[in-house]
C-alpha cells in the first residue's frame, strides 16, 4: 500500500465515524444500554458534524452549518459492537463484558501501547523521514497521546487493520466465558503455544473476524459519497459495478484460475459478498480488469494478472 492508502485505512479504522448502530442491526435501546455499562469505550453518544447542505454564509447559516448525529461508530468500534452482540448471544453477562471491554480498550491505553507502537516504527525505520518526524512530535505531545492515540491504537484495532490488509489469515478472537480470558489470533501457526491453561482447560468461544468485518465494510462500500481510498483502483471499479450499477448477476473470475471465482447476484447480500471476496483475495497491483457486459443486468469481470 502507498502512503495515501495507508492514511485512508487509518481514517477508516480510527477516525471516520460514519456507521450507525442500526446498520449493524443494533437498536438505540441496546446501544444506550451498552454505553451505560461501559462495554463500548470511547464511543460518544452524539457528535457535531458539518452540515454540507447548509452554507455558513447563508442567512442563519452560522448556527445551522453543523448538525448533531447520535451514536456513530468508526470501523473498529463497529466490529467491537458486533463482537459484543455475538458474546451476548452466548450468554456472556454484562458484567463480564464490562470487564472484557476494560481489558481490550482501557488497559492498553494505561499501559501506553500506542507509544510502544510509535517507538517501534521509529526504531525500525518503517516510514519515511517526514512521517518519522511526525511520530516523534506526537510522542512529545502528551495531550495528543493521552486523549487520542492511546484511545484508538491497541492490539484489537491492530487485529482489525491486519484483517483488512489480509495479513496472516485467519483472524479471530478466542474467549473463555468462565475466566474472561481472551486472545486475538491471526494466522494458523503455533495457536496452542499462544494459549494459556485457561484456554486448554475450559470451553471457549471462537469469533472469526472475517464475517463481522465483511458485514461492517459492506456499510462503507454502500456509501455513495465516500471514495474508498484504502481500496486499489481495480477493487474500486468492481465496487462501482456491483454496488452502484446493481446488475442482476456479476461473475468475477481470475485468469489461470489462481483465485476462486465468485458470482454475486440478487440472492446475495451483494455488498457483503463483495467485501468478503476482497478481504479473502489479494488482487495484485498492476492487474488488468476486463469487463464483458453480456447485457444490462449481467456482467462478467475477468482480472488479468500482470
Protein backbone atom coordinates (compact mmCIF):
# COMPACT_ATOMS: atom_id res chain seq x y z
CA UNK A 1 0.00 0.00 0.00
CA UNK A 2 1.18 3.54 -0.71
CA UNK A 3 1.04 6.37 1.84
CA UNK A 4 -2.36 7.63 0.68
CA UNK A 5 -3.90 4.15 1.04
CA UNK A 6 -2.34 3.74 4.49
CA UNK A 7 -3.80 7.09 5.57
CA UNK A 8 -7.21 6.13 4.15
CA UNK A 9 -7.09 2.84 6.06
CA UNK A 10 -6.19 4.71 9.25
CA UNK A 11 -9.13 7.07 8.76
CA UNK A 12 -11.47 4.11 8.20
CA UNK A 13 -10.37 2.17 11.29
CA UNK A 14 -9.83 5.08 13.69
CA UNK A 15 -11.39 8.35 12.59
CA UNK A 16 -14.37 8.11 10.21
CA UNK A 17 -17.43 7.69 12.42
CA UNK A 18 -19.96 7.02 9.67
CA UNK A 19 -21.55 3.75 10.81
CA UNK A 20 -24.91 3.84 12.53
CA UNK A 21 -25.66 1.03 15.02
CA UNK A 22 -28.92 0.47 13.12
CA UNK A 23 -26.86 -0.59 10.09
CA UNK A 24 -25.45 -3.37 12.29
CA UNK A 25 -28.94 -4.33 13.46
CA UNK A 26 -28.26 -2.90 16.92
CA UNK A 27 -31.18 -0.90 18.34
CA UNK A 28 -30.95 2.50 20.03
CA UNK A 29 -32.05 0.89 23.28
CA UNK A 30 -29.27 -1.71 23.05
CA UNK A 31 -26.54 0.79 22.19
CA UNK A 32 -27.52 3.12 25.02
CA UNK A 33 -27.57 0.21 27.47
CA UNK A 34 -24.11 -0.84 26.32
CA UNK A 35 -22.83 2.71 26.69
CA UNK A 36 -24.33 2.96 30.18
CA UNK A 37 -22.50 -0.26 31.11
CA UNK A 38 -19.19 0.86 29.54
CA UNK A 39 -18.86 -2.02 27.10
CA UNK A 40 -18.24 0.41 24.21
CA UNK A 41 -15.35 2.58 25.49
CA UNK A 42 -14.59 5.88 23.75
CA UNK A 43 -17.89 5.86 21.82
CA UNK A 44 -19.72 9.20 22.04
CA UNK A 45 -23.49 9.37 22.35
CA UNK A 46 -23.60 12.27 19.91
CA UNK A 47 -21.24 14.22 17.72
CA UNK A 48 -21.40 17.56 15.97
CA UNK A 49 -20.59 17.34 12.27
CA UNK A 50 -20.61 19.70 9.31
CA UNK A 51 -23.95 20.03 7.56
CA UNK A 52 -22.97 20.01 3.90
CA UNK A 53 -26.45 21.07 2.78
CA UNK A 54 -26.18 24.47 4.51
CA UNK A 55 -23.51 27.10 3.92
CA UNK A 56 -22.19 29.09 6.86
CA UNK A 57 -22.51 32.40 4.94
CA UNK A 58 -26.22 31.91 4.27
CA UNK A 59 -28.76 33.76 6.49
CA UNK A 60 -28.90 31.87 9.76
CA UNK A 61 -26.27 29.54 8.41
CA UNK A 62 -23.70 30.13 11.12
CA UNK A 63 -25.83 28.25 13.61
CA UNK A 64 -27.05 25.65 11.13
CA UNK A 65 -23.77 24.84 9.37
CA UNK A 66 -23.34 21.98 11.80
CA UNK A 67 -25.71 19.23 12.84
CA UNK A 68 -25.83 16.67 15.62
CA UNK A 69 -25.63 12.96 14.91
CA UNK A 70 -26.43 10.36 17.51
CA UNK A 71 -24.11 7.43 18.09
CA UNK A 72 -21.83 6.88 15.10
CA UNK A 73 -19.01 4.35 15.05
CA UNK A 74 -15.70 4.04 13.30
CA UNK A 75 -14.87 0.66 11.78
CA UNK A 76 -13.00 -0.73 14.80
CA UNK A 77 -15.83 0.30 17.15
CA UNK A 78 -18.40 -1.22 14.80
CA UNK A 79 -16.52 -4.54 14.74
CA UNK A 80 -16.31 -4.47 18.54
CA UNK A 81 -20.06 -3.77 18.79
CA UNK A 82 -20.70 -6.86 16.63
CA UNK A 83 -18.44 -8.94 18.91
CA UNK A 84 -20.37 -7.70 21.95
CA UNK A 85 -23.59 -8.76 20.24
CA UNK A 86 -22.14 -12.21 19.48
CA UNK A 87 -20.94 -12.73 23.05
CA UNK A 88 -24.33 -11.72 24.44
CA UNK A 89 -25.89 -14.40 22.24
CA UNK A 90 -23.62 -16.93 24.00
CA UNK A 91 -24.95 -15.82 27.39
CA UNK A 92 -21.95 -13.73 28.47
CA UNK A 93 -23.10 -11.36 31.22
CA UNK A 94 -22.95 -7.57 31.01
CA UNK A 95 -20.58 -7.52 33.99
CA UNK A 96 -18.19 -9.86 32.15
CA UNK A 97 -18.42 -7.71 29.02
CA UNK A 98 -17.67 -4.57 31.02
CA UNK A 99 -14.53 -6.22 32.42
CA UNK A 100 -13.60 -7.54 28.97
CA UNK A 101 -14.03 -4.11 27.35
CA UNK A 102 -11.79 -2.60 30.01
CA UNK A 103 -9.08 -5.18 29.24
CA UNK A 104 -9.35 -4.71 25.47
CA UNK A 105 -9.58 -0.90 25.36
CA UNK A 106 -8.60 0.72 28.67
CA UNK A 107 -5.71 -1.48 29.77
CA UNK A 108 -3.61 -0.86 26.60
CA UNK A 109 -4.32 2.86 26.99
CA UNK A 110 -3.00 2.87 30.55
CA UNK A 111 -0.02 0.76 29.53
CA UNK A 112 0.75 3.21 26.69
CA UNK A 113 0.59 0.59 23.96
CA UNK A 114 0.37 3.31 21.27
CA UNK A 115 3.66 4.82 22.48
CA UNK A 116 5.36 1.46 22.06
CA UNK A 117 3.95 1.11 18.52
CA UNK A 118 5.25 4.57 17.54
CA UNK A 119 8.69 3.90 19.03
CA UNK A 120 8.86 0.55 17.27
CA UNK A 121 8.07 2.16 13.91
CA UNK A 122 10.72 4.82 14.51
CA UNK A 123 13.36 2.29 15.62
CA UNK A 124 12.74 0.01 12.64
CA UNK A 125 12.70 3.00 10.26
CA UNK A 126 9.48 1.71 8.66
CA UNK A 127 8.39 5.15 7.45
CA UNK A 128 9.95 7.99 5.51
CA UNK A 129 11.71 10.90 7.23
CA UNK A 130 8.62 13.13 7.27
CA UNK A 131 6.37 10.53 8.90
CA UNK A 132 9.07 9.51 11.37
CA UNK A 133 9.33 13.16 12.44
CA UNK A 134 5.54 13.28 12.87
CA UNK A 135 5.58 10.21 15.14
CA UNK A 136 8.34 11.77 17.25
CA UNK A 137 6.35 15.00 17.61
CA UNK A 138 3.24 13.02 18.63
CA UNK A 139 5.24 11.18 21.31
CA UNK A 140 6.31 14.54 22.73
CA UNK A 141 2.69 15.75 22.87
CA UNK A 142 1.27 14.09 25.97
CA UNK A 143 -2.22 15.54 25.47
CA UNK A 144 -2.47 14.10 21.95
CA UNK A 145 -1.20 10.72 23.11
CA UNK A 146 -3.44 10.55 26.17
CA UNK A 147 -6.69 11.75 24.65
CA UNK A 148 -6.38 10.44 21.11
CA UNK A 149 -3.74 7.93 20.05
CA UNK A 150 -3.87 5.77 23.19
CA UNK A 151 -7.65 5.51 22.85
CA UNK A 152 -7.53 4.19 19.27
CA UNK A 153 -4.34 2.12 18.98
CA UNK A 154 -4.36 -1.23 20.78
CA UNK A 155 -3.97 -4.95 19.94
CA UNK A 156 -7.63 -5.18 18.91
CA UNK A 157 -7.51 -2.32 16.40
CA UNK A 158 -4.20 -3.75 15.13
CA UNK A 159 -6.03 -7.04 14.50
CA UNK A 160 -8.76 -5.23 12.54
CA UNK A 161 -6.16 -3.46 10.39
CA UNK A 162 -4.31 -6.73 9.79
CA UNK A 163 -7.54 -8.39 8.67
CA UNK A 164 -8.27 -5.60 6.19
CA UNK A 165 -4.72 -5.85 4.84
CA UNK A 166 -5.23 -9.62 4.55
CA UNK A 167 -2.17 -10.43 6.62
CA UNK A 168 -1.78 -13.85 8.29
CA UNK A 169 -5.32 -15.12 7.56
CA UNK A 170 -7.42 -16.14 9.51
CA UNK A 171 -8.13 -13.60 12.27
CA UNK A 172 -10.24 -14.43 15.30
CA UNK A 173 -11.00 -13.64 18.93
CA UNK A 174 -10.82 -16.62 21.28
CA UNK A 175 -12.67 -16.13 24.56
CA UNK A 176 -13.21 -18.24 27.69
CA UNK A 177 -16.50 -17.19 29.37
CA UNK A 178 -15.72 -18.92 32.66
CA UNK A 179 -12.49 -16.99 33.27
CA UNK A 180 -13.00 -13.96 30.99
CA UNK A 181 -9.64 -14.69 29.35
CA UNK A 182 -9.25 -13.81 25.69
CA UNK A 183 -6.64 -13.73 22.95
CA UNK A 184 -6.60 -12.17 19.49
CA UNK A 185 -5.21 -14.63 16.98
CA UNK A 186 -4.01 -14.19 13.41
CA UNK A 187 -2.58 -16.93 11.23
CA UNK A 188 -2.66 -20.63 11.98
CA UNK A 189 0.87 -21.36 13.19
CA UNK A 190 1.52 -22.16 16.82
CA UNK A 191 -2.00 -21.41 18.02
CA UNK A 192 -1.82 -23.61 21.09
CA UNK A 193 1.53 -22.11 22.03
CA UNK A 194 -0.26 -18.76 22.34
CA UNK A 195 -2.98 -20.08 24.63
CA UNK A 196 -2.65 -20.28 28.37
CA UNK A 197 -4.04 -23.02 30.57
CA UNK A 198 -7.45 -21.32 30.76
CA UNK A 199 -7.99 -21.98 27.06
CA UNK A 200 -6.91 -25.59 27.31
CA UNK A 201 -8.95 -26.45 30.41
CA UNK A 202 -12.28 -24.69 29.78
CA UNK A 203 -14.74 -24.39 26.86
CA UNK A 204 -14.02 -21.38 24.71
CA UNK A 205 -15.80 -19.27 22.12
CA UNK A 206 -14.15 -18.54 18.79
CA UNK A 207 -15.38 -15.44 16.96
CA UNK A 208 -13.91 -15.25 13.43
CA UNK A 209 -13.33 -11.67 12.34
CA UNK A 210 -13.93 -12.13 8.61
CA UNK A 211 -17.77 -12.42 8.65
CA UNK A 212 -18.06 -9.45 11.02
CA UNK A 213 -15.60 -7.32 9.07
CA UNK A 214 -17.37 -8.16 5.79
CA UNK A 215 -20.66 -7.01 7.30
CA UNK A 216 -19.19 -3.75 8.60
CA UNK A 217 -17.24 -2.96 5.41
CA UNK A 218 -20.41 -3.57 3.40
CA UNK A 219 -21.84 -0.45 5.08
CA UNK A 220 -18.81 1.54 3.94
CA UNK A 221 -18.98 0.07 0.43
CA UNK A 222 -22.54 1.37 0.08
CA UNK A 223 -21.69 4.97 0.97
CA UNK A 224 -22.06 6.78 -2.38
CA UNK A 225 -20.50 9.98 -1.04
CA UNK A 226 -17.30 8.26 0.02
CA UNK A 227 -14.25 7.48 -2.07
CA UNK A 228 -12.68 4.36 -0.57
CA UNK A 229 -9.00 5.24 -0.68
CA UNK A 230 -7.99 2.03 1.08
CA UNK A 231 -9.12 0.03 -1.96
CA UNK A 232 -6.96 -0.09 -5.07
CA UNK A 233 -8.23 1.07 -8.48
CA UNK A 234 -9.33 -2.41 -9.55
CA UNK A 235 -11.23 -3.02 -6.30
CA UNK A 236 -12.96 0.37 -6.61
CA UNK A 237 -14.04 -0.42 -10.18
CA UNK A 238 -15.54 -3.74 -9.06
CA UNK A 239 -17.28 -1.95 -6.19
CA UNK A 240 -18.78 0.57 -8.62
CA UNK A 241 -20.24 -2.21 -10.80
CA UNK A 242 -21.55 -4.46 -8.01
CA UNK A 243 -22.84 -1.83 -5.57
CA UNK A 244 -23.98 1.09 -7.71
CA UNK A 245 -24.83 -0.34 -11.16
CA UNK A 246 -26.64 -3.18 -9.36
CA UNK A 247 -26.78 -5.78 -12.16
CA UNK A 248 -28.71 -8.99 -11.53
CA UNK A 249 -25.50 -11.04 -11.77
CA UNK A 250 -21.78 -10.31 -11.74
CA UNK A 251 -19.35 -13.14 -12.49
CA UNK A 252 -15.85 -12.37 -11.19
CA UNK A 253 -13.01 -14.63 -12.26
CA UNK A 254 -9.21 -14.53 -12.49
CA UNK A 255 -7.22 -15.74 -15.46
CA UNK A 256 -5.46 -19.07 -14.93
CA UNK A 257 -7.83 -19.75 -12.02
CA UNK A 258 -5.32 -18.70 -9.36
CA UNK A 259 -8.15 -17.29 -7.24
CA UNK A 260 -11.54 -18.94 -6.86
CA UNK A 261 -14.25 -17.26 -8.99
CA UNK A 262 -17.45 -15.86 -7.49
CA UNK A 263 -20.90 -14.94 -8.75
CA UNK A 264 -22.68 -12.10 -6.96
CA UNK A 265 -26.38 -11.91 -7.74
CA UNK A 266 -29.66 -10.59 -6.36
CA UNK A 267 -29.98 -13.54 -4.00
CA UNK A 268 -26.76 -12.46 -2.22
CA UNK A 269 -26.22 -9.50 0.05
CA UNK A 270 -24.11 -8.10 -2.77
CA UNK A 271 -22.07 -5.57 -0.79
CA UNK A 272 -21.30 -8.07 1.94
CA UNK A 273 -20.39 -10.78 -0.58
CA UNK A 274 -18.11 -8.35 -2.39
CA UNK A 275 -16.40 -7.08 0.77
CA UNK A 276 -15.71 -10.64 1.87
CA UNK A 277 -14.35 -11.51 -1.57
CA UNK A 278 -11.95 -8.56 -1.49
CA UNK A 279 -10.85 -9.38 2.06
CA UNK A 280 -10.15 -13.01 1.20
CA UNK A 281 -8.35 -12.42 -2.11
CA UNK A 282 -5.36 -10.22 -2.70
CA UNK A 283 -5.61 -8.52 -6.09
CA UNK A 284 -2.07 -7.96 -7.33
CA UNK A 285 -1.01 -4.39 -8.03
CA UNK A 286 -0.99 -3.77 -11.77
CA UNK A 287 -3.71 -6.33 -12.54
CA UNK A 288 -5.93 -5.53 -15.51
CA UNK A 289 -9.73 -5.54 -15.44
CA UNK A 290 -11.56 -7.00 -18.45
CA UNK A 291 -15.30 -6.22 -18.36
CA UNK A 292 -17.70 -8.13 -20.58
CA UNK A 293 -21.19 -6.60 -20.43
CA UNK A 294 -23.34 -9.51 -21.57
CA UNK A 295 -26.46 -7.41 -21.16
CA UNK A 296 -27.68 -4.60 -18.89
CA UNK A 297 -28.21 -6.95 -15.97
CA UNK A 298 -25.29 -9.34 -16.39
CA UNK A 299 -21.57 -8.58 -16.22
CA UNK A 300 -18.53 -10.82 -16.49
CA UNK A 301 -15.37 -9.44 -14.90
CA UNK A 302 -12.03 -11.11 -15.57
CA UNK A 303 -8.98 -9.99 -13.62
CA UNK A 304 -5.80 -10.47 -15.60
CA UNK A 305 -2.66 -10.82 -13.53
CA UNK A 306 0.14 -8.60 -14.77
